[in-house]
Amino acid sequence: MPIFVLVAVLIKLFDRGPVLFSQTRVGKDGQDFRFYKFRSMPVGTGNISSAKVACVKLTWVGRFIRRTNVDELPQLFNILIGDMSVVGPRPPIPSQHELIALRRASKVLAFRPGLTGLAQINSFDGMRPDEKAKFDRQYTKQISMWTDFKIIFRTFGYLLRPPPTY
């Protein structure tokens, strides 16, 4: 909770916009849900996929919270209300038609999306939709508590990688 408060105060002090960013995402069974993050982009930035985030100038607080993935913490609320799980395919935005179609064809949409996942720990932001869908399909074929623990453990390694250049 102290991290939530600190990030909220920093966002308010240095950017004056809303603290949280909510967006429609595609979840289990292809159903839309509200997805929450700490806001890292300037007020008024439209819905863009994470692959296109390099085209947007982040706030300095936004760069920090993105690099540390602290911007993802509000998704714990999504997990608590049942829209997401800790591990699973990352939920796409509705305009990611190719990724959604690939997930639908391979029955990945039958699973709850996750805060982290197999594609996430394998350079998710730089992947083509077919690569993401391949990792998603692989994950859904080997779901187990042990697999989830390994992915969670590898997520910490992912967080320690050198920062992306935004």
N, C-alpha and C. Protein backbone atom coordinates (compact mmCIF):
# COMPACT_ATOMS: atom_id res chain seq x y z
N MET A 1 0.81 -1.20 0.00
CA MET A 1 0.00 0.00 0.00
C MET A 1 0.85 1.27 0.00
N PRO A 2 2.00 1.30 0.71
CA PRO A 2 2.81 2.53 0.66
C PRO A 2 3.28 2.86 -0.77
N ILE A 3 3.55 1.83 -1.56
CA ILE A 3 3.97 2.08 -2.95
C ILE A 3 2.83 2.72 -3.73
N PHE A 4 1.60 2.23 -3.54
CA PHE A 4 0.43 2.82 -4.20
C PHE A 4 0.34 4.31 -3.87
N VAL A 5 0.45 4.64 -2.60
CA VAL A 5 0.31 6.02 -2.15
C VAL A 5 1.43 6.88 -2.73
N LEU A 6 2.68 6.41 -2.65
CA LEU A 6 3.82 7.16 -3.17
C LEU A 6 3.68 7.43 -4.67
N VAL A 7 3.33 6.41 -5.44
CA VAL A 7 3.17 6.59 -6.88
C VAL A 7 2.03 7.55 -7.18
N ALA A 8 0.93 7.43 -6.48
CA ALA A 8 -0.21 8.32 -6.69
C ALA A 8 0.18 9.77 -6.42
N VAL A 9 0.91 10.01 -5.35
CA VAL A 9 1.34 11.37 -5.00
C VAL A 9 2.29 11.91 -6.07
N LEU A 10 3.24 11.09 -6.52
CA LEU A 10 4.18 11.54 -7.56
C LEU A 10 3.46 11.89 -8.86
N ILE A 11 2.52 11.06 -9.26
CA ILE A 11 1.77 11.34 -10.49
C ILE A 11 1.01 12.66 -10.34
N LYS A 12 0.35 12.85 -9.22
CA LYS A 12 -0.42 14.07 -9.00
C LYS A 12 0.47 15.31 -8.93
N LEU A 13 1.62 15.19 -8.27
CA LEU A 13 2.51 16.34 -8.13
C LEU A 13 3.12 16.79 -9.45
N PHE A 14 3.48 15.83 -10.28
CA PHE A 14 4.24 16.17 -11.48
C PHE A 14 3.46 16.15 -12.78
N ASP A 15 2.22 15.71 -12.76
CA ASP A 15 1.48 15.70 -14.01
C ASP A 15 0.04 16.18 -13.87
N ARG A 16 -0.47 16.25 -12.68
CA ARG A 16 -1.78 16.82 -12.37
C ARG A 16 -2.98 16.10 -12.97
N GLY A 17 -2.77 15.06 -13.72
CA GLY A 17 -3.91 14.33 -14.29
C GLY A 17 -4.37 13.24 -13.35
N PRO A 18 -5.25 12.38 -13.84
CA PRO A 18 -5.72 11.27 -13.01
C PRO A 18 -4.57 10.31 -12.69
N VAL A 19 -4.65 9.69 -11.55
CA VAL A 19 -3.61 8.76 -11.11
C VAL A 19 -3.73 7.44 -11.86
N LEU A 20 -4.95 6.97 -12.01
CA LEU A 20 -5.17 5.69 -12.67
C LEU A 20 -5.57 5.88 -14.12
N PHE A 21 -5.19 4.91 -14.91
CA PHE A 21 -5.56 4.83 -16.31
C PHE A 21 -6.41 3.57 -16.43
N SER A 22 -7.57 3.70 -17.01
CA SER A 22 -8.37 2.49 -17.24
C SER A 22 -8.63 2.37 -18.74
N GLN A 23 -8.74 1.16 -19.15
CA GLN A 23 -8.84 0.89 -20.58
C GLN A 23 -9.66 -0.39 -20.76
N THR A 24 -10.35 -0.49 -21.86
CA THR A 24 -11.05 -1.72 -22.18
C THR A 24 -10.03 -2.72 -22.70
N ARG A 25 -10.08 -3.93 -22.17
CA ARG A 25 -9.22 -5.02 -22.62
C ARG A 25 -10.10 -6.23 -22.89
N VAL A 26 -9.57 -7.16 -23.66
CA VAL A 26 -10.28 -8.39 -23.98
C VAL A 26 -9.83 -9.47 -23.02
N GLY A 27 -10.80 -10.06 -22.32
CA GLY A 27 -10.49 -11.05 -21.30
C GLY A 27 -10.99 -12.44 -21.65
N LYS A 28 -11.28 -13.19 -20.62
CA LYS A 28 -11.72 -14.58 -20.75
C LYS A 28 -12.97 -14.65 -21.64
N ASP A 29 -12.98 -15.63 -22.51
CA ASP A 29 -14.08 -15.86 -23.45
C ASP A 29 -14.33 -14.68 -24.37
N GLY A 30 -13.33 -13.81 -24.55
CA GLY A 30 -13.45 -12.67 -25.45
C GLY A 30 -14.29 -11.53 -24.89
N GLN A 31 -14.60 -11.58 -23.59
CA GLN A 31 -15.41 -10.54 -22.96
C GLN A 31 -14.55 -9.34 -22.59
N ASP A 32 -15.08 -8.16 -22.86
CA ASP A 32 -14.37 -6.93 -22.49
C ASP A 32 -14.44 -6.71 -20.98
N PHE A 33 -13.40 -6.09 -20.44
CA PHE A 33 -13.40 -5.69 -19.03
C PHE A 33 -12.57 -4.43 -18.88
N ARG A 34 -12.73 -3.75 -17.76
CA ARG A 34 -11.95 -2.54 -17.45
C ARG A 34 -10.63 -2.98 -16.83
N PHE A 35 -9.56 -2.48 -17.37
CA PHE A 35 -8.19 -2.84 -17.00
C PHE A 35 -7.56 -1.60 -16.38
N TYR A 36 -6.89 -1.75 -15.25
CA TYR A 36 -6.36 -0.59 -14.52
C TYR A 36 -4.83 -0.61 -14.45
N LYS A 37 -4.26 0.58 -14.58
CA LYS A 37 -2.82 0.79 -14.43
C LYS A 37 -2.61 2.17 -13.82
N PHE A 38 -1.43 2.38 -13.24
CA PHE A 38 -1.07 3.76 -12.91
C PHE A 38 -0.79 4.46 -14.24
N ARG A 39 -1.20 5.69 -14.34
CA ARG A 39 -1.02 6.43 -15.60
C ARG A 39 0.44 6.82 -15.76
N SER A 40 1.01 6.44 -16.91
CA SER A 40 2.41 6.75 -17.20
C SER A 40 2.55 7.68 -18.40
N MET A 41 1.48 7.87 -19.14
CA MET A 41 1.52 8.71 -20.34
C MET A 41 0.82 10.04 -20.06
N PRO A 42 1.12 11.03 -20.87
CA PRO A 42 0.47 12.33 -20.68
C PRO A 42 -1.05 12.23 -20.80
N VAL A 43 -1.73 13.12 -20.12
CA VAL A 43 -3.19 13.18 -20.19
C VAL A 43 -3.61 13.32 -21.65
N GLY A 44 -4.65 12.60 -22.05
CA GLY A 44 -5.17 12.70 -23.40
C GLY A 44 -4.57 11.73 -24.40
N THR A 45 -3.61 10.92 -23.97
CA THR A 45 -3.03 9.93 -24.87
C THR A 45 -4.10 8.89 -25.16
N GLY A 46 -4.28 8.54 -26.42
CA GLY A 46 -5.30 7.57 -26.81
C GLY A 46 -4.90 6.15 -26.47
N ASN A 47 -5.76 5.21 -26.82
CA ASN A 47 -5.48 3.80 -26.60
C ASN A 47 -4.49 3.30 -27.63
N ILE A 48 -3.31 2.91 -27.15
CA ILE A 48 -2.30 2.35 -28.03
C ILE A 48 -1.79 1.07 -27.43
N SER A 49 -1.32 0.18 -28.28
CA SER A 49 -0.76 -1.08 -27.78
C SER A 49 0.62 -0.82 -27.21
N SER A 50 1.08 -1.73 -26.37
CA SER A 50 2.39 -1.57 -25.74
C SER A 50 3.51 -1.55 -26.77
N ALA A 51 3.29 -2.16 -27.93
CA ALA A 51 4.31 -2.16 -28.98
C ALA A 51 4.53 -0.76 -29.54
N LYS A 52 3.55 0.12 -29.40
CA LYS A 52 3.65 1.47 -29.96
C LYS A 52 3.95 2.53 -28.91
N VAL A 53 4.23 2.10 -27.66
CA VAL A 53 4.46 3.05 -26.58
C VAL A 53 5.69 3.91 -26.84
N ALA A 54 6.65 3.42 -27.62
CA ALA A 54 7.85 4.20 -27.92
C ALA A 54 7.52 5.47 -28.69
N CYS A 55 6.36 5.53 -29.31
CA CYS A 55 5.95 6.71 -30.07
C CYS A 55 5.41 7.82 -29.17
N VAL A 56 5.21 7.53 -27.90
CA VAL A 56 4.63 8.50 -26.97
C VAL A 56 5.67 8.93 -25.95
N LYS A 57 5.71 10.21 -25.68
CA LYS A 57 6.62 10.71 -24.66
C LYS A 57 6.00 10.46 -23.29
N LEU A 58 6.68 9.64 -22.50
CA LEU A 58 6.20 9.34 -21.16
C LEU A 58 6.59 10.46 -20.21
N THR A 59 5.83 10.61 -19.13
CA THR A 59 6.22 11.55 -18.08
C THR A 59 7.44 10.95 -17.38
N TRP A 60 8.20 11.73 -16.62
CA TRP A 60 9.38 11.15 -15.95
C TRP A 60 8.94 10.13 -14.91
N VAL A 61 7.82 10.38 -14.24
CA VAL A 61 7.29 9.39 -13.31
C VAL A 61 6.86 8.15 -14.11
N GLY A 62 6.27 8.38 -15.26
CA GLY A 62 5.84 7.28 -16.12
C GLY A 62 6.99 6.40 -16.56
N ARG A 63 8.12 7.01 -16.93
CA ARG A 63 9.30 6.21 -17.32
C ARG A 63 9.74 5.32 -16.17
N PHE A 64 9.76 5.88 -14.96
CA PHE A 64 10.19 5.11 -13.79
C PHE A 64 9.22 3.97 -13.48
N ILE A 65 7.93 4.26 -13.44
CA ILE A 65 6.98 3.21 -13.07
C ILE A 65 6.85 2.16 -14.17
N ARG A 66 7.06 2.54 -15.41
CA ARG A 66 7.06 1.55 -16.50
C ARG A 66 8.27 0.64 -16.39
N ARG A 67 9.43 1.25 -16.16
CA ARG A 67 10.67 0.48 -16.07
C ARG A 67 10.62 -0.53 -14.93
N THR A 68 10.04 -0.14 -13.82
CA THR A 68 9.96 -1.02 -12.66
C THR A 68 8.69 -1.86 -12.65
N ASN A 69 7.82 -1.64 -13.62
CA ASN A 69 6.52 -2.31 -13.75
C ASN A 69 5.58 -2.00 -12.59
N VAL A 70 5.88 -0.95 -11.84
CA VAL A 70 4.99 -0.50 -10.77
C VAL A 70 3.66 -0.04 -11.36
N ASP A 71 3.67 0.40 -12.62
CA ASP A 71 2.42 0.84 -13.26
C ASP A 71 1.39 -0.28 -13.33
N GLU A 72 1.83 -1.52 -13.23
CA GLU A 72 0.94 -2.68 -13.32
C GLU A 72 0.24 -3.02 -12.00
N LEU A 73 0.70 -2.46 -10.87
CA LEU A 73 0.15 -2.82 -9.56
C LEU A 73 -1.38 -2.70 -9.44
N PRO A 74 -2.03 -1.68 -10.04
CA PRO A 74 -3.49 -1.62 -9.93
C PRO A 74 -4.21 -2.83 -10.54
N GLN A 75 -3.51 -3.64 -11.33
CA GLN A 75 -4.13 -4.84 -11.88
C GLN A 75 -4.38 -5.88 -10.79
N LEU A 76 -3.80 -5.67 -9.61
CA LEU A 76 -4.13 -6.54 -8.48
C LEU A 76 -5.62 -6.45 -8.17
N PHE A 77 -6.20 -5.27 -8.41
CA PHE A 77 -7.65 -5.10 -8.26
C PHE A 77 -8.37 -5.97 -9.28
N ASN A 78 -7.88 -5.99 -10.54
CA ASN A 78 -8.48 -6.85 -11.57
C ASN A 78 -8.41 -8.32 -11.17
N ILE A 79 -7.33 -8.69 -10.51
CA ILE A 79 -7.18 -10.08 -10.05
C ILE A 79 -8.18 -10.36 -8.93
N LEU A 80 -8.29 -9.43 -7.99
CA LEU A 80 -9.21 -9.62 -6.86
C LEU A 80 -10.67 -9.76 -7.29
N ILE A 81 -11.07 -9.01 -8.32
CA ILE A 81 -12.47 -9.10 -8.76
C ILE A 81 -12.70 -10.20 -9.79
N GLY A 82 -11.63 -10.91 -10.18
CA GLY A 82 -11.79 -12.07 -11.05
C GLY A 82 -11.66 -11.83 -12.54
N ASP A 83 -11.30 -10.63 -12.96
CA ASP A 83 -11.13 -10.37 -14.39
C ASP A 83 -9.81 -10.94 -14.92
N MET A 84 -8.83 -11.05 -14.02
CA MET A 84 -7.50 -11.52 -14.40
C MET A 84 -7.00 -12.51 -13.36
N SER A 85 -5.92 -13.21 -13.73
CA SER A 85 -5.22 -14.05 -12.77
C SER A 85 -3.78 -13.53 -12.70
N VAL A 86 -2.99 -14.09 -11.82
CA VAL A 86 -1.61 -13.64 -11.70
C VAL A 86 -0.83 -14.03 -12.96
N VAL A 87 -1.02 -15.26 -13.44
CA VAL A 87 -0.32 -15.74 -14.63
C VAL A 87 -1.33 -16.10 -15.70
N GLY A 88 -1.01 -15.71 -16.93
CA GLY A 88 -1.87 -16.02 -18.08
C GLY A 88 -1.47 -15.11 -19.23
N PRO A 89 -2.09 -15.25 -20.38
CA PRO A 89 -1.79 -14.37 -21.50
C PRO A 89 -2.16 -12.92 -21.15
N ARG A 90 -1.33 -11.97 -21.55
CA ARG A 90 -1.64 -10.55 -21.28
C ARG A 90 -2.89 -10.17 -22.06
N PRO A 91 -3.80 -9.41 -21.44
CA PRO A 91 -5.04 -9.05 -22.12
C PRO A 91 -4.80 -7.99 -23.21
N PRO A 92 -5.23 -8.28 -24.42
CA PRO A 92 -5.04 -7.31 -25.50
C PRO A 92 -6.08 -6.20 -25.48
N ILE A 93 -5.76 -5.09 -26.17
CA ILE A 93 -6.78 -4.06 -26.39
C ILE A 93 -7.63 -4.52 -27.57
N PRO A 94 -8.90 -4.11 -27.64
CA PRO A 94 -9.79 -4.60 -28.69
C PRO A 94 -9.30 -4.36 -30.12
N SER A 95 -8.45 -3.36 -30.33
CA SER A 95 -7.97 -3.08 -31.69
C SER A 95 -6.85 -4.03 -32.14
N GLN A 96 -6.40 -4.92 -31.27
CA GLN A 96 -5.37 -5.89 -31.65
C GLN A 96 -6.06 -7.11 -32.28
N HIS A 97 -6.70 -6.86 -33.42
CA HIS A 97 -7.54 -7.86 -34.08
C HIS A 97 -6.81 -9.15 -34.42
N GLU A 98 -5.58 -9.04 -34.94
CA GLU A 98 -4.85 -10.24 -35.34
C GLU A 98 -4.56 -11.12 -34.13
N LEU A 99 -4.08 -10.52 -33.05
CA LEU A 99 -3.77 -11.29 -31.85
C LEU A 99 -5.03 -11.95 -31.28
N ILE A 100 -6.12 -11.21 -31.25
CA ILE A 100 -7.37 -11.75 -30.73
C ILE A 100 -7.85 -12.92 -31.59
N ALA A 101 -7.76 -12.77 -32.90
CA ALA A 101 -8.18 -13.85 -33.81
C ALA A 101 -7.31 -15.10 -33.62
N LEU A 102 -6.01 -14.90 -33.48
CA LEU A 102 -5.11 -16.04 -33.26
C LEU A 102 -5.42 -16.72 -31.93
N ARG A 103 -5.69 -15.94 -30.90
CA ARG A 103 -6.02 -16.52 -29.59
C ARG A 103 -7.37 -17.24 -29.64
N ARG A 104 -8.31 -16.67 -30.37
CA ARG A 104 -9.63 -17.31 -30.49
C ARG A 104 -9.48 -18.66 -31.21
N ALA A 105 -8.70 -18.67 -32.29
CA ALA A 105 -8.52 -19.90 -33.08
C ALA A 105 -7.84 -21.00 -32.27
N SER A 106 -6.95 -20.63 -31.37
CA SER A 106 -6.23 -21.64 -30.58
C SER A 106 -6.84 -21.85 -29.19
N LYS A 107 -8.03 -21.29 -28.97
CA LYS A 107 -8.78 -21.46 -27.72
C LYS A 107 -8.12 -20.83 -26.49
N VAL A 108 -7.19 -19.91 -26.70
CA VAL A 108 -6.52 -19.22 -25.59
C VAL A 108 -7.49 -18.30 -24.86
N LEU A 109 -8.48 -17.79 -25.57
CA LEU A 109 -9.44 -16.88 -24.92
C LEU A 109 -10.32 -17.59 -23.90
N ALA A 110 -10.25 -18.90 -23.84
CA ALA A 110 -11.00 -19.65 -22.83
C ALA A 110 -10.36 -19.49 -21.44
N PHE A 111 -9.19 -18.89 -21.38
CA PHE A 111 -8.46 -18.73 -20.13
C PHE A 111 -8.45 -17.27 -19.68
N ARG A 112 -8.39 -17.08 -18.39
CA ARG A 112 -8.33 -15.74 -17.82
C ARG A 112 -6.97 -15.12 -18.14
N PRO A 113 -6.93 -13.85 -18.56
CA PRO A 113 -5.65 -13.20 -18.83
C PRO A 113 -4.87 -12.97 -17.53
N GLY A 114 -3.56 -12.75 -17.66
CA GLY A 114 -2.73 -12.62 -16.47
C GLY A 114 -1.93 -11.35 -16.38
N LEU A 115 -1.47 -11.09 -15.18
CA LEU A 115 -0.57 -9.97 -14.89
C LEU A 115 0.79 -10.22 -15.54
N THR A 116 1.22 -11.46 -15.54
CA THR A 116 2.44 -11.87 -16.23
C THR A 116 2.15 -13.17 -16.95
N GLY A 117 3.01 -13.51 -17.87
CA GLY A 117 2.78 -14.74 -18.63
C GLY A 117 4.02 -15.16 -19.39
N LEU A 118 3.90 -16.26 -20.09
CA LEU A 118 5.03 -16.81 -20.83
C LEU A 118 5.52 -15.85 -21.91
N ALA A 119 4.62 -15.23 -22.63
CA ALA A 119 5.04 -14.25 -23.64
C ALA A 119 5.68 -13.03 -22.97
N GLN A 120 5.12 -12.62 -21.84
CA GLN A 120 5.62 -11.44 -21.12
C GLN A 120 7.09 -11.59 -20.74
N ILE A 121 7.49 -12.77 -20.28
CA ILE A 121 8.87 -12.97 -19.85
C ILE A 121 9.82 -13.26 -21.00
N ASN A 122 9.26 -13.31 -22.20
CA ASN A 122 10.07 -13.54 -23.40
C ASN A 122 10.01 -12.34 -24.35
N SER A 123 10.11 -11.13 -23.79
CA SER A 123 10.15 -9.87 -24.56
C SER A 123 8.85 -9.55 -25.27
N PHE A 124 7.77 -9.62 -24.55
CA PHE A 124 6.41 -9.40 -25.04
C PHE A 124 6.26 -8.16 -25.92
N ASP A 125 6.80 -7.02 -25.48
CA ASP A 125 6.57 -5.77 -26.21
C ASP A 125 7.15 -5.77 -27.62
N GLY A 126 8.19 -6.53 -27.85
CA GLY A 126 8.80 -6.54 -29.18
C GLY A 126 8.29 -7.64 -30.09
N MET A 127 7.31 -8.41 -29.65
CA MET A 127 6.85 -9.56 -30.42
C MET A 127 5.75 -9.24 -31.41
N ARG A 128 5.76 -10.00 -32.50
CA ARG A 128 4.65 -9.96 -33.45
C ARG A 128 3.47 -10.72 -32.84
N PRO A 129 2.25 -10.44 -33.28
CA PRO A 129 1.08 -11.14 -32.73
C PRO A 129 1.18 -12.66 -32.83
N ASP A 130 1.71 -13.19 -33.92
CA ASP A 130 1.80 -14.65 -34.04
C ASP A 130 2.77 -15.25 -33.03
N GLU A 131 3.82 -14.50 -32.68
CA GLU A 131 4.76 -14.99 -31.66
C GLU A 131 4.09 -14.99 -30.28
N LYS A 132 3.36 -13.91 -29.97
CA LYS A 132 2.65 -13.86 -28.69
C LYS A 132 1.66 -15.01 -28.60
N ALA A 133 0.91 -15.22 -29.67
CA ALA A 133 -0.10 -16.29 -29.68
C ALA A 133 0.54 -17.66 -29.52
N LYS A 134 1.73 -17.84 -30.07
CA LYS A 134 2.45 -19.12 -29.92
C LYS A 134 2.79 -19.36 -28.45
N PHE A 135 3.33 -18.35 -27.77
CA PHE A 135 3.63 -18.49 -26.34
C PHE A 135 2.36 -18.70 -25.52
N ASP A 136 1.29 -17.98 -25.88
CA ASP A 136 0.01 -18.13 -25.17
C ASP A 136 -0.51 -19.56 -25.30
N ARG A 137 -0.47 -20.08 -26.51
CA ARG A 137 -0.94 -21.45 -26.77
C ARG A 137 -0.09 -22.45 -25.98
N GLN A 138 1.23 -22.23 -26.00
CA GLN A 138 2.15 -23.11 -25.27
C GLN A 138 1.80 -23.10 -23.78
N TYR A 139 1.57 -21.92 -23.23
CA TYR A 139 1.22 -21.81 -21.81
C TYR A 139 -0.07 -22.57 -21.50
N THR A 140 -1.11 -22.38 -22.31
CA THR A 140 -2.40 -23.01 -22.01
C THR A 140 -2.35 -24.53 -22.12
N LYS A 141 -1.38 -25.05 -22.84
CA LYS A 141 -1.23 -26.51 -22.96
C LYS A 141 -0.47 -27.11 -21.78
N GLN A 142 0.20 -26.26 -20.99
CA GLN A 142 1.01 -26.80 -19.89
C GLN A 142 0.71 -26.10 -18.56
N ILE A 143 -0.51 -25.62 -18.39
CA ILE A 143 -0.87 -24.93 -17.15
C ILE A 143 -0.72 -25.87 -15.96
N SER A 144 -0.01 -25.39 -14.97
CA SER A 144 0.11 -26.10 -13.70
C SER A 144 0.62 -25.10 -12.68
N MET A 145 0.51 -25.45 -11.42
CA MET A 145 1.02 -24.57 -10.38
C MET A 145 2.53 -24.41 -10.53
N TRP A 146 3.23 -25.48 -10.89
CA TRP A 146 4.68 -25.44 -11.07
C TRP A 146 5.04 -24.49 -12.22
N THR A 147 4.33 -24.58 -13.34
CA THR A 147 4.58 -23.67 -14.47
C THR A 147 4.35 -22.23 -14.05
N ASP A 148 3.27 -21.97 -13.32
CA ASP A 148 2.99 -20.61 -12.87
C ASP A 148 4.10 -20.10 -11.94
N PHE A 149 4.57 -20.94 -11.03
CA PHE A 149 5.67 -20.53 -10.14
C PHE A 149 6.92 -20.20 -10.94
N LYS A 150 7.23 -20.99 -11.96
CA LYS A 150 8.41 -20.72 -12.79
C LYS A 150 8.26 -19.39 -13.52
N ILE A 151 7.07 -19.12 -14.04
CA ILE A 151 6.83 -17.87 -14.76
C ILE A 151 6.93 -16.69 -13.80
N ILE A 152 6.36 -16.82 -12.61
CA ILE A 152 6.45 -15.74 -11.62
C ILE A 152 7.92 -15.49 -11.27
N PHE A 153 8.67 -16.54 -11.05
CA PHE A 153 10.10 -16.41 -10.72
C PHE A 153 10.85 -15.73 -11.87
N ARG A 154 10.59 -16.16 -13.11
CA ARG A 154 11.26 -15.56 -14.27
C ARG A 154 10.82 -14.11 -14.49
N THR A 155 9.62 -13.75 -14.01
CA THR A 155 9.16 -12.36 -14.13
C THR A 155 10.10 -11.43 -13.39
N PHE A 156 10.61 -11.86 -12.23
CA PHE A 156 11.54 -11.03 -11.48
C PHE A 156 12.82 -10.81 -12.28
N GLY A 157 13.28 -11.81 -13.01
CA GLY A 157 14.43 -11.65 -13.90
C GLY A 157 14.13 -10.67 -15.03
N TYR A 158 12.92 -10.75 -15.55
CA TYR A 158 12.48 -9.83 -16.60
C TYR A 158 12.53 -8.39 -16.10
N LEU A 159 12.14 -8.20 -14.84
CA LEU A 159 12.13 -6.85 -14.26
C LEU A 159 13.53 -6.29 -14.05
N LEU A 160 14.53 -7.17 -13.96
CA LEU A 160 15.90 -6.73 -13.73
C LEU A 160 16.67 -6.45 -15.03
N ARG A 161 16.04 -6.67 -16.16
CA ARG A 161 16.70 -6.39 -17.45
C ARG A 161 16.97 -4.91 -17.59
N PRO A 162 17.93 -4.57 -18.47
CA PRO A 162 18.18 -3.14 -18.72
C PRO A 162 16.91 -2.47 -19.21
N PRO A 163 16.73 -1.19 -18.88
CA PRO A 163 15.47 -0.51 -19.28
C PRO A 163 15.36 -0.35 -20.78
N PRO A 164 14.11 -0.41 -21.28
CA PRO A 164 13.88 -0.12 -22.70
C PRO A 164 14.10 1.36 -22.93
N THR A 165 14.37 1.73 -24.15
CA THR A 165 14.55 3.15 -24.46
C THR A 165 13.22 3.69 -25.01
N TYR A 166 12.54 4.48 -24.18
CA TYR A 166 11.28 5.11 -24.59
C TYR A 166 11.56 6.52 -25.07
